[in-house]
Amino acid sequence: MESHGCLNETRNTAMNATRFETTVETMLPSLLSGDRAAVRTLVARALGSGISAEDFTEQVAWPIHEALHKLNRHDQIERISFNYATRLLRQVVDQMQLAYVRSERNGKRVALFCGSGENEDLGGQMAADLLEAAGFAVQFAGGGVAGDEILEETSRRKPDFLVLFASSASDAPGIRAVVDQIREIRATPDMEIAVGGGVFNRADGLAESIGVSRSARTPMDLVRTLQAPAHATAQAKPATERPARMRAVA
């Protein structure tokens, strides 16, 4: 009986994965063409099939977000198509967050920043929305915030976590500078720093080289990462132990 249960669970997982992939493949062309009616229909159909709003964001909206970034980065789509898609996808993400199951407040505060591009801002919003639904108190400032402003804000608010999520490759030097300054001035010694998404998914070893205590690949992975006890996460490495080389970002 136990083996049958495991087999059924494996089949259900495979079926769900296929369903998510199909939804992504079907929705992406409608987003790129700016077909608002078609996107609404596809979203309604997906939710009507039993997909939760949280799963839709993690398994459909986030993969589409990453695909758009890759297509745009490699000049494989026109700017107008990128604009259509990102604006329509933001509408979808706004719709999803209204349907999230909300947990009781957990007493943890998050200051979240992201890359300055439209797509990075959308990725940061997904993370902020899911963290808030999971019980965190979130301040989401988006991108384009200078490092000294981030330092001032964290010193003033003293959040439990500073999250730098969905950043672009051009943001990496600034992130490293912010992390180093936070360590140097120690104005918020109890604050942990987490990174993820964006360039951190594309450059092996970048998070480790910066020396942050937590990292995540997707918005829901970020939720789980921040929910984990401190001892269960990778601790920051001293500068002398940081890897000297990383794979180049594509």
C-alpha atoms as a PDB file:
ATOM      1  CA  MET A   1       0.000   0.000   0.000  1.00  0.00           C
ATOM      2  CA  GLU A   2       2.820   2.385   0.863  1.00  0.00           C
ATOM      3  CA  SER A   3       4.518   1.785  -2.483  1.00  0.00           C
ATOM      4  CA  HIS A   4       1.246   2.505  -4.305  1.00  0.00           C
ATOM      5  CA  GLY A   5       0.936   5.763  -2.362  1.00  0.00           C
ATOM      6  CA  CYS A   6       4.458   6.819  -3.323  1.00  0.00           C
ATOM      7  CA  LEU A   7       3.789   5.898  -6.951  1.00  0.00           C
ATOM      8  CA  ASN A   8       0.591   7.943  -7.020  1.00  0.00           C
ATOM      9  CA  GLU A   9       2.363  10.901  -5.434  1.00  0.00           C
ATOM     10  CA  THR A  10       5.112  10.701  -8.053  1.00  0.00           C
ATOM     11  CA  ARG A  11       2.539  10.563 -10.842  1.00  0.00           C
ATOM     12  CA  ASN A  12       0.656  13.552  -9.432  1.00  0.00           C
ATOM     13  CA  THR A  13       3.887  15.544  -9.166  1.00  0.00           C
ATOM     14  CA  ALA A  14       4.776  14.730 -12.767  1.00  0.00           C
ATOM     15  CA  MET A  15       1.271  15.631 -13.944  1.00  0.00           C
ATOM     16  CA  ASN A  16       1.387  18.955 -12.103  1.00  0.00           C
ATOM     17  CA  ALA A  17       4.807  19.757 -13.552  1.00  0.00           C
ATOM     18  CA  THR A  18       3.518  19.045 -17.055  1.00  0.00           C
ATOM     19  CA  ARG A  19       0.438  21.168 -16.428  1.00  0.00           C
ATOM     20  CA  PHE A  20       2.547  24.102 -15.257  1.00  0.00           C
ATOM     21  CA  GLU A  21       4.902  23.803 -18.234  1.00  0.00           C
ATOM     22  CA  THR A  22       1.942  23.721 -20.621  1.00  0.00           C
ATOM     23  CA  THR A  23       0.450  26.824 -19.004  1.00  0.00           C
ATOM     24  CA  VAL A  24       3.771  28.669 -19.321  1.00  0.00           C
ATOM     25  CA  GLU A  25       4.185  27.679 -22.973  1.00  0.00           C
ATOM     26  CA  THR A  26       0.605  28.677 -23.784  1.00  0.00           C
ATOM     27  CA  MET A  27       0.593  31.969 -21.907  1.00  0.00           C
ATOM     28  CA  LEU A  28       3.964  33.376 -23.014  1.00  0.00           C
ATOM     29  CA  PRO A  29       2.936  34.090 -26.663  1.00  0.00           C
ATOM     30  CA  SER A  30      -0.258  35.825 -25.478  1.00  0.00           C
ATOM     31  CA  LEU A  31       1.766  37.985 -23.101  1.00  0.00           C
ATOM     32  CA  LEU A  32       4.293  38.902 -25.812  1.00  0.00           C
ATOM     33  CA  SER A  33       1.519  39.909 -28.211  1.00  0.00           C
ATOM     34  CA  GLY A  34      -0.269  41.961 -25.562  1.00  0.00           C
ATOM     35  CA  ASP A  35      -3.450  39.868 -25.849  1.00  0.00           C
ATOM     36  CA  ARG A  36      -5.128  40.873 -22.603  1.00  0.00           C
ATOM     37  CA  ALA A  37      -8.320  38.869 -23.179  1.00  0.00           C
ATOM     38  CA  ALA A  38      -6.398  35.679 -23.949  1.00  0.00           C
ATOM     39  CA  VAL A  39      -4.247  36.083 -20.827  1.00  0.00           C
ATOM     40  CA  ARG A  40      -7.334  36.572 -18.647  1.00  0.00           C
ATOM     41  CA  THR A  41      -8.872  33.437 -20.120  1.00  0.00           C
ATOM     42  CA  LEU A  42      -5.733  31.368 -19.542  1.00  0.00           C
ATOM     43  CA  VAL A  43      -5.432  32.565 -15.941  1.00  0.00           C
ATOM     44  CA  ALA A  44      -9.085  31.792 -15.229  1.00  0.00           C
ATOM     45  CA  ARG A  45      -8.710  28.349 -16.789  1.00  0.00           C
ATOM     46  CA  ALA A  46      -5.607  27.571 -14.720  1.00  0.00           C
ATOM     47  CA  LEU A  47      -7.171  28.668 -11.446  1.00  0.00           C
ATOM     48  CA  GLY A  48     -10.391  26.837 -12.345  1.00  0.00           C
ATOM     49  CA  SER A  49      -8.403  23.615 -12.724  1.00  0.00           C
ATOM     50  CA  GLY A  50      -7.406  23.767  -9.058  1.00  0.00           C
ATOM     51  CA  ILE A  51      -4.019  25.516  -9.231  1.00  0.00           C
ATOM     52  CA  SER A  52      -3.577  27.728  -6.167  1.00  0.00           C
ATOM     53  CA  ALA A  53      -2.621  31.381  -6.521  1.00  0.00           C
ATOM     54  CA  GLU A  54       0.685  30.660  -4.750  1.00  0.00           C
ATOM     55  CA  ASP A  55       1.530  27.790  -7.102  1.00  0.00           C
ATOM     56  CA  PHE A  56       0.567  29.895 -10.101  1.00  0.00           C
ATOM     57  CA  THR A  57       3.000  32.617  -9.073  1.00  0.00           C
ATOM     58  CA  GLU A  58       5.825  30.179  -8.307  1.00  0.00           C
ATOM     59  CA  GLN A  59       5.316  27.708 -11.172  1.00  0.00           C
ATOM     60  CA  VAL A  60       3.932  29.930 -13.941  1.00  0.00           C
ATOM     61  CA  ALA A  61       4.527  33.657 -13.333  1.00  0.00           C
ATOM     62  CA  TRP A  62       8.093  33.262 -12.053  1.00  0.00           C
ATOM     63  CA  PRO A  63       9.302  30.991 -14.919  1.00  0.00           C
ATOM     64  CA  ILE A  64       7.717  33.416 -17.400  1.00  0.00           C
ATOM     65  CA  HIS A  65       9.463  36.309 -15.638  1.00  0.00           C
ATOM     66  CA  GLU A  66      12.814  34.533 -16.015  1.00  0.00           C
ATOM     67  CA  ALA A  67      12.103  33.650 -19.657  1.00  0.00           C
ATOM     68  CA  LEU A  68      11.289  37.283 -20.435  1.00  0.00           C
ATOM     69  CA  HIS A  69      14.519  38.429 -18.824  1.00  0.00           C
ATOM     70  CA  LYS A  70      16.539  35.939 -20.862  1.00  0.00           C
ATOM     71  CA  LEU A  71      14.809  36.849 -24.128  1.00  0.00           C
ATOM     72  CA  ASN A  72      15.308  40.544 -23.500  1.00  0.00           C
ATOM     73  CA  ARG A  73      18.919  40.138 -22.348  1.00  0.00           C
ATOM     74  CA  HIS A  74      19.817  38.305 -25.556  1.00  0.00           C
ATOM     75  CA  ASP A  75      17.826  40.697 -27.800  1.00  0.00           C
ATOM     76  CA  GLN A  76      15.534  37.883 -28.902  1.00  0.00           C
ATOM     77  CA  ILE A  77      12.337  39.929 -28.595  1.00  0.00           C
ATOM     78  CA  GLU A  78      11.420  43.472 -29.570  1.00  0.00           C
ATOM     79  CA  ARG A  79      11.065  46.081 -26.844  1.00  0.00           C
ATOM     80  CA  ILE A  80       7.354  46.462 -27.512  1.00  0.00           C
ATOM     81  CA  SER A  81       6.801  42.745 -26.898  1.00  0.00           C
ATOM     82  CA  PHE A  82       8.808  42.905 -23.684  1.00  0.00           C
ATOM     83  CA  ASN A  83       6.735  45.865 -22.503  1.00  0.00           C
ATOM     84  CA  TYR A  84       3.458  44.149 -23.383  1.00  0.00           C
ATOM     85  CA  ALA A  85       4.486  41.028 -21.511  1.00  0.00           C
ATOM     86  CA  THR A  86       5.872  42.626 -18.352  1.00  0.00           C
ATOM     87  CA  ARG A  87       2.892  44.918 -17.893  1.00  0.00           C
ATOM     88  CA  LEU A  88       0.383  42.139 -18.479  1.00  0.00           C
ATOM     89  CA  LEU A  89       2.314  39.809 -16.184  1.00  0.00           C
ATOM     90  CA  ARG A  90       2.259  42.439 -13.439  1.00  0.00           C
ATOM     91  CA  GLN A  91      -1.538  42.534 -13.700  1.00  0.00           C
ATOM     92  CA  VAL A  92      -1.578  38.766 -13.266  1.00  0.00           C
ATOM     93  CA  VAL A  93       0.770  38.941 -10.257  1.00  0.00           C
ATOM     94  CA  ASP A  94      -1.424  41.641  -8.677  1.00  0.00           C
ATOM     95  CA  GLN A  95      -4.440  39.378  -9.166  1.00  0.00           C
ATOM     96  CA  MET A  96      -2.679  36.384  -7.616  1.00  0.00           C
ATOM     97  CA  GLN A  97      -1.586  38.167  -4.436  1.00  0.00           C
ATOM     98  CA  LEU A  98      -5.210  39.039  -3.632  1.00  0.00           C
ATOM     99  CA  ALA A  99      -5.963  35.312  -3.469  1.00  0.00           C
ATOM    100  CA  TYR A 100      -2.994  34.188  -1.323  1.00  0.00           C
ATOM    101  CA  VAL A 101      -3.743  32.347   1.906  1.00  0.00           C
ATOM    102  CA  ARG A 102      -2.482  34.690   4.632  1.00  0.00           C
ATOM    103  CA  SER A 103      -0.711  33.480   7.763  1.00  0.00           C
ATOM    104  CA  GLU A 104      -0.600  35.163  11.149  1.00  0.00           C
ATOM    105  CA  ARG A 105       2.183  37.700  11.593  1.00  0.00           C
ATOM    106  CA  ASN A 106       5.415  36.002  12.650  1.00  0.00           C
ATOM    107  CA  GLY A 107       7.063  39.100  14.144  1.00  0.00           C
ATOM    108  CA  LYS A 108       9.813  39.208  11.496  1.00  0.00           C
ATOM    109  CA  ARG A 109      10.470  42.320   9.419  1.00  0.00           C
ATOM    110  CA  VAL A 110      11.929  42.398   5.913  1.00  0.00           C
ATOM    111  CA  ALA A 111      13.421  45.290   3.927  1.00  0.00           C
ATOM    112  CA  LEU A 112      13.409  44.191   0.293  1.00  0.00           C
ATOM    113  CA  PHE A 113      15.172  45.791  -2.674  1.00  0.00           C
ATOM    114  CA  CYS A 114      15.677  44.593  -6.248  1.00  0.00           C
ATOM    115  CA  GLY A 115      17.237  45.536  -9.564  1.00  0.00           C
ATOM    116  CA  SER A 116      16.199  48.764 -11.272  1.00  0.00           C
ATOM    117  CA  GLY A 117      14.684  47.219 -14.409  1.00  0.00           C
ATOM    118  CA  GLU A 118      10.974  46.668 -15.006  1.00  0.00           C
ATOM    119  CA  ASN A 119      11.380  42.908 -14.970  1.00  0.00           C
ATOM    120  CA  GLU A 120      13.531  42.894 -11.816  1.00  0.00           C
ATOM    121  CA  ASP A 121      10.933  45.056 -10.065  1.00  0.00           C
ATOM    122  CA  LEU A 122       8.259  42.519 -10.975  1.00  0.00           C
ATOM    123  CA  GLY A 123      10.381  39.683  -9.573  1.00  0.00           C
ATOM    124  CA  GLY A 124      10.890  41.637  -6.375  1.00  0.00           C
ATOM    125  CA  GLN A 125       7.148  42.218  -6.101  1.00  0.00           C
ATOM    126  CA  MET A 126       6.452  38.480  -6.337  1.00  0.00           C
ATOM    127  CA  ALA A 127       8.874  37.891  -3.478  1.00  0.00           C
ATOM    128  CA  ALA A 128       7.404  40.723  -1.393  1.00  0.00           C
ATOM    129  CA  ASP A 129       3.825  39.543  -1.899  1.00  0.00           C
ATOM    130  CA  LEU A 130       4.582  35.941  -0.942  1.00  0.00           C
ATOM    131  CA  LEU A 131       6.644  36.945   2.091  1.00  0.00           C
ATOM    132  CA  GLU A 132       3.848  39.184   3.331  1.00  0.00           C
ATOM    133  CA  ALA A 133       1.282  36.413   2.873  1.00  0.00           C
ATOM    134  CA  ALA A 134       3.572  34.094   4.860  1.00  0.00           C
ATOM    135  CA  GLY A 135       3.442  36.437   7.866  1.00  0.00           C
ATOM    136  CA  PHE A 136       6.438  38.727   7.389  1.00  0.00           C
ATOM    137  CA  ALA A 137       6.107  42.506   7.647  1.00  0.00           C
ATOM    138  CA  VAL A 138       7.604  43.682   4.356  1.00  0.00           C
ATOM    139  CA  GLN A 139       8.883  47.045   3.204  1.00  0.00           C
ATOM    140  CA  PHE A 140       9.447  46.806  -0.573  1.00  0.00           C
ATOM    141  CA  ALA A 141      11.284  49.746  -2.125  1.00  0.00           C
ATOM    142  CA  GLY A 142      11.973  48.215  -5.535  1.00  0.00           C
ATOM    143  CA  GLY A 143      15.110  49.171  -7.439  1.00  0.00           C
ATOM    144  CA  GLY A 144      17.239  52.212  -8.115  1.00  0.00           C
ATOM    145  CA  VAL A 145      17.836  52.937  -4.418  1.00  0.00           C
ATOM    146  CA  ALA A 146      21.351  54.132  -3.655  1.00  0.00           C
ATOM    147  CA  GLY A 147      23.485  52.082  -1.283  1.00  0.00           C
ATOM    148  CA  ASP A 148      23.719  54.854   1.291  1.00  0.00           C
ATOM    149  CA  GLU A 149      19.926  55.094   1.373  1.00  0.00           C
ATOM    150  CA  ILE A 150      19.672  51.344   1.956  1.00  0.00           C
ATOM    151  CA  LEU A 151      22.158  51.640   4.807  1.00  0.00           C
ATOM    152  CA  GLU A 152      20.257  54.551   6.330  1.00  0.00           C
ATOM    153  CA  GLU A 153      16.918  52.782   6.009  1.00  0.00           C
ATOM    154  CA  THR A 154      18.112  49.544   7.579  1.00  0.00           C
ATOM    155  CA  SER A 155      19.804  51.446  10.391  1.00  0.00           C
ATOM    156  CA  ARG A 156      16.567  53.307  11.080  1.00  0.00           C
ATOM    157  CA  ARG A 157      14.082  50.448  10.765  1.00  0.00           C
ATOM    158  CA  LYS A 158      16.364  47.637  11.965  1.00  0.00           C
ATOM    159  CA  PRO A 159      14.659  44.808  10.041  1.00  0.00           C
ATOM    160  CA  ASP A 160      15.382  41.167  10.790  1.00  0.00           C
ATOM    161  CA  PHE A 161      16.288  40.608   7.124  1.00  0.00           C
ATOM    162  CA  LEU A 162      17.671  42.748   4.340  1.00  0.00           C
ATOM    163  CA  VAL A 163      16.721  41.026   1.085  1.00  0.00           C
ATOM    164  CA  LEU A 164      18.330  41.898  -2.256  1.00  0.00           C
ATOM    165  CA  PHE A 165      16.284  39.899  -4.759  1.00  0.00           C
ATOM    166  CA  ALA A 166      15.935  39.721  -8.559  1.00  0.00           C
ATOM    167  CA  SER A 167      18.986  41.891  -9.181  1.00  0.00           C
ATOM    168  CA  SER A 168      20.716  42.343 -12.537  1.00  0.00           C
ATOM    169  CA  ALA A 169      24.404  41.772 -13.227  1.00  0.00           C
ATOM    170  CA  SER A 170      25.068  45.519 -13.122  1.00  0.00           C
ATOM    171  CA  ASP A 171      23.748  45.614  -9.544  1.00  0.00           C
ATOM    172  CA  ALA A 172      26.279  43.080  -8.206  1.00  0.00           C
ATOM    173  CA  PRO A 173      29.114  45.527  -7.381  1.00  0.00           C
ATOM    174  CA  GLY A 174      26.684  47.792  -5.524  1.00  0.00           C
ATOM    175  CA  ILE A 175      25.282  44.852  -3.568  1.00  0.00           C
ATOM    176  CA  ARG A 176      28.767  43.777  -2.566  1.00  0.00           C
ATOM    177  CA  ALA A 177      29.548  47.340  -1.420  1.00  0.00           C
ATOM    178  CA  VAL A 178      26.352  47.525   0.652  1.00  0.00           C
ATOM    179  CA  VAL A 179      27.047  44.177   2.321  1.00  0.00           C
ATOM    180  CA  ASP A 180      30.629  45.187   3.118  1.00  0.00           C
ATOM    181  CA  GLN A 181      29.511  48.528   4.553  1.00  0.00           C
ATOM    182  CA  ILE A 182      26.861  46.895   6.735  1.00  0.00           C
ATOM    183  CA  ARG A 183      29.504  44.580   8.163  1.00  0.00           C
ATOM    184  CA  GLU A 184      31.918  47.446   8.687  1.00  0.00           C
ATOM    185  CA  ILE A 185      29.618  49.844  10.535  1.00  0.00           C
ATOM    186  CA  ARG A 186      27.642  47.109  12.369  1.00  0.00           C
ATOM    187  CA  ALA A 187      24.674  49.425  12.908  1.00  0.00           C
ATOM    188  CA  THR A 188      22.316  46.433  12.648  1.00  0.00           C
ATOM    189  CA  PRO A 189      24.342  43.494  14.034  1.00  0.00           C
ATOM    190  CA  ASP A 190      21.319  41.181  14.356  1.00  0.00           C
ATOM    191  CA  MET A 191      20.106  41.719  10.776  1.00  0.00           C
ATOM    192  CA  GLU A 192      20.654  38.878   8.301  1.00  0.00           C
ATOM    193  CA  ILE A 193      21.210  39.512   4.603  1.00  0.00           C
ATOM    194  CA  ALA A 194      19.574  37.336   1.966  1.00  0.00           C
ATOM    195  CA  VAL A 195      19.907  37.403  -1.815  1.00  0.00           C
ATOM    196  CA  GLY A 196      18.348  35.483  -4.662  1.00  0.00           C
ATOM    197  CA  GLY A 197      16.844  35.359  -8.113  1.00  0.00           C
ATOM    198  CA  GLY A 198      18.205  37.333 -11.036  1.00  0.00           C
ATOM    199  CA  VAL A 199      21.971  37.414 -11.335  1.00  0.00           C
ATOM    200  CA  PHE A 200      22.385  35.136  -8.301  1.00  0.00           C
ATOM    201  CA  ASN A 201      20.708  32.332 -10.271  1.00  0.00           C
ATOM    202  CA  ARG A 202      22.980  32.886 -13.253  1.00  0.00           C
ATOM    203  CA  ALA A 203      26.379  33.367 -11.598  1.00  0.00           C
ATOM    204  CA  ASP A 204      27.570  30.323  -9.676  1.00  0.00           C
ATOM    205  CA  GLY A 205      29.230  31.286  -6.421  1.00  0.00           C
ATOM    206  CA  LEU A 206      28.183  34.951  -6.418  1.00  0.00           C
ATOM    207  CA  ALA A 207      26.149  34.740  -3.207  1.00  0.00           C
ATOM    208  CA  GLU A 208      28.956  32.845  -1.492  1.00  0.00           C
ATOM    209  CA  SER A 209      31.584  35.327  -2.678  1.00  0.00           C
ATOM    210  CA  ILE A 210      29.611  38.237  -1.239  1.00  0.00           C
ATOM    211  CA  GLY A 211      29.267  36.288   1.994  1.00  0.00           C
ATOM    212  CA  VAL A 212      25.550  36.566   2.751  1.00  0.00           C
ATOM    213  CA  SER A 213      23.935  34.196   5.225  1.00  0.00           C
ATOM    214  CA  ARG A 214      20.960  33.099   3.108  1.00  0.00           C
ATOM    215  CA  SER A 215      20.163  32.744  -0.596  1.00  0.00           C
ATOM    216  CA  ALA A 216      17.187  31.527  -2.629  1.00  0.00           C
ATOM    217  CA  ARG A 217      16.418  30.849  -6.278  1.00  0.00           C
ATOM    218  CA  THR A 218      12.692  31.664  -6.440  1.00  0.00           C
ATOM    219  CA  PRO A 219      10.165  33.734  -4.455  1.00  0.00           C
ATOM    220  CA  MET A 220       8.719  30.715  -2.640  1.00  0.00           C
ATOM    221  CA  ASP A 221      12.210  29.397  -1.985  1.00  0.00           C
ATOM    222  CA  LEU A 222      12.938  32.778  -0.392  1.00  0.00           C
ATOM    223  CA  VAL A 223       9.927  32.370   1.902  1.00  0.00           C
ATOM    224  CA  ARG A 224      11.147  28.950   3.039  1.00  0.00           C
ATOM    225  CA  THR A 225      14.702  30.249   3.442  1.00  0.00           C
ATOM    226  CA  LEU A 226      13.680  33.121   5.707  1.00  0.00           C
ATOM    227  CA  GLN A 227      11.380  30.845   7.707  1.00  0.00           C
ATOM    228  CA  ALA A 228      14.250  28.458   8.471  1.00  0.00           C
ATOM    229  CA  PRO A 229      16.134  28.829  11.775  1.00  0.00           C
ATOM    230  CA  ALA A 230      19.431  30.651  11.525  1.00  0.00           C
ATOM    231  CA  HIS A 231      21.449  27.521  12.327  1.00  0.00           C
ATOM    232  CA  ALA A 232      19.813  25.718   9.393  1.00  0.00           C
ATOM    233  CA  THR A 233      21.082  28.207   6.828  1.00  0.00           C
ATOM    234  CA  ALA A 234      24.543  28.625   5.369  1.00  0.00           C
ATOM    235  CA  GLN A 235      26.534  31.082   7.432  1.00  0.00           C
ATOM    236  CA  ALA A 236      28.470  33.954   5.880  1.00  0.00           C
ATOM    237  CA  LYS A 237      32.068  33.214   5.062  1.00  0.00           C
ATOM    238  CA  PRO A 238      34.940  35.475   6.089  1.00  0.00           C
ATOM    239  CA  ALA A 239      36.455  37.474   3.257  1.00  0.00           C
ATOM    240  CA  THR A 240      39.570  35.286   3.273  1.00  0.00           C
ATOM    241  CA  GLU A 241      37.447  32.214   2.515  1.00  0.00           C
ATOM    242  CA  ARG A 242      35.408  33.662  -0.307  1.00  0.00           C
ATOM    243  CA  PRO A 243      35.871  31.958  -3.685  1.00  0.00           C
ATOM    244  CA  ALA A 244      38.062  34.015  -5.954  1.00  0.00           C
ATOM    245  CA  ARG A 245      36.397  33.088  -9.222  1.00  0.00           C
ATOM    246  CA  MET A 246      32.853  32.696 -10.463  1.00  0.00           C
ATOM    247  CA  ARG A 247      31.285  31.556 -13.690  1.00  0.00           C
ATOM    248  CA  ALA A 248      30.642  34.505 -15.993  1.00  0.00           C
ATOM    249  CA  VAL A 249      27.054  35.662 -16.242  1.00  0.00           C
ATOM    250  CA  ALA A 250      25.479  34.852 -19.587  1.00  0.00           C
END
